[in-house]
Amino acid sequence: MDYGAFTDASLKMMYEAVRGALRADDEFEANGEDPKFRVRATPEWKRHAGSLESEMLKRGLQVEIIDWTGGQGELPLTVDP
């Protein structure tokens, strides 16, 4: 997809759509249901979001990066003794 062809507003809207689908999947799972969009399980969603982030950053747009950890946090890369 040629992300450079989209307007700033279009990029932001698509990015917020990814965030919304992720939030909806998390809510479905919290209610014991299967996620409808399978955002976490489908690598193309993450690639799409990453491409949108790259284009928005290239343009100097402010981006609130999506938290893919589901609020679980991430392990540190190194452990201090």
Protein backbone atom coordinates (compact mmCIF):
# COMPACT_ATOMS: atom_id res chain seq x y z
CA MET A 1 0.00 0.00 0.00
CA ASP A 2 1.31 3.46 -0.86
CA TYR A 3 0.94 5.18 2.51
CA GLY A 4 2.54 8.33 1.11
CA ALA A 5 -0.52 8.82 -1.12
CA PHE A 6 -2.87 9.29 1.85
CA THR A 7 -3.66 12.59 3.54
CA ASP A 8 -2.62 13.20 7.15
CA ALA A 9 -6.23 12.84 8.25
CA SER A 10 -6.57 9.53 6.39
CA LEU A 11 -3.45 8.11 8.04
CA LYS A 12 -4.71 9.10 11.49
CA MET A 13 -8.15 7.62 10.80
CA MET A 14 -6.70 4.30 9.65
CA TYR A 15 -4.41 4.17 12.68
CA GLU A 16 -7.32 4.85 15.04
CA ALA A 17 -9.27 2.09 13.26
CA VAL A 18 -6.48 -0.37 14.14
CA ARG A 19 -6.58 0.85 17.74
CA GLY A 20 -10.37 0.46 17.81
CA ALA A 21 -10.28 -3.07 16.41
CA LEU A 22 -7.65 -4.03 18.97
CA ARG A 23 -9.72 -2.54 21.80
CA ALA A 24 -12.84 -4.37 20.54
CA ASP A 25 -10.95 -7.69 20.41
CA ASP A 26 -9.73 -7.17 23.97
CA GLU A 27 -13.29 -6.47 25.13
CA PHE A 28 -14.61 -9.58 23.37
CA GLU A 29 -11.93 -11.70 25.05
CA ALA A 30 -12.62 -10.09 28.44
CA ASN A 31 -16.25 -11.22 28.01
CA GLY A 32 -15.18 -14.78 27.19
CA GLU A 33 -15.85 -14.40 23.46
CA ASP A 34 -13.57 -15.00 20.49
CA PRO A 35 -11.98 -11.83 19.12
CA LYS A 36 -13.83 -10.71 15.98
CA PHE A 37 -10.94 -8.96 14.25
CA ARG A 38 -8.05 -11.17 15.46
CA VAL A 39 -5.73 -8.16 15.55
CA ARG A 40 -3.15 -9.69 17.89
CA ALA A 41 -3.19 -13.03 16.04
CA THR A 42 -2.86 -11.57 12.52
CA PRO A 43 0.62 -10.18 11.74
CA GLU A 44 -0.72 -8.03 8.89
CA TRP A 45 -2.50 -5.79 11.43
CA LYS A 46 0.79 -5.02 13.17
CA ARG A 47 2.59 -4.45 9.86
CA HIS A 48 -0.21 -2.10 8.75
CA ALA A 49 -0.01 -0.14 12.01
CA GLY A 50 3.79 0.01 11.76
CA SER A 51 3.63 1.35 8.22
CA LEU A 52 1.10 3.97 9.29
CA GLU A 53 3.33 4.95 12.24
CA SER A 54 6.36 5.27 9.97
CA GLU A 55 4.57 7.49 7.50
CA MET A 56 3.06 9.69 10.22
CA LEU A 57 6.45 10.09 11.95
CA LYS A 58 8.10 10.86 8.60
CA ARG A 59 5.58 13.69 8.19
CA GLY A 60 6.19 14.97 11.71
CA LEU A 61 2.70 14.04 12.90
CA GLN A 62 2.18 13.31 16.56
CA VAL A 63 1.49 9.61 17.13
CA GLU A 64 0.37 7.83 20.29
CA ILE A 65 1.91 4.42 19.65
CA ILE A 66 -0.41 1.43 20.08
CA ASP A 67 0.34 -0.75 23.11
CA TRP A 68 0.47 -4.26 21.68
CA THR A 69 1.15 -5.83 25.08
CA GLY A 70 -2.48 -5.66 26.16
CA GLY A 71 -1.53 -3.86 29.35
CA GLN A 72 0.62 -6.78 30.46
CA GLY A 73 3.90 -4.92 30.12
CA GLU A 74 7.04 -6.37 28.65
CA LEU A 75 10.01 -8.12 30.17
CA PRO A 76 13.19 -6.04 30.37
CA LEU A 77 15.87 -6.83 27.82
CA THR A 78 18.52 -7.21 30.51
CA VAL A 79 18.38 -8.17 34.15
CA ASP A 80 20.60 -6.39 36.66
CA PRO A 81 22.30 -8.78 39.14
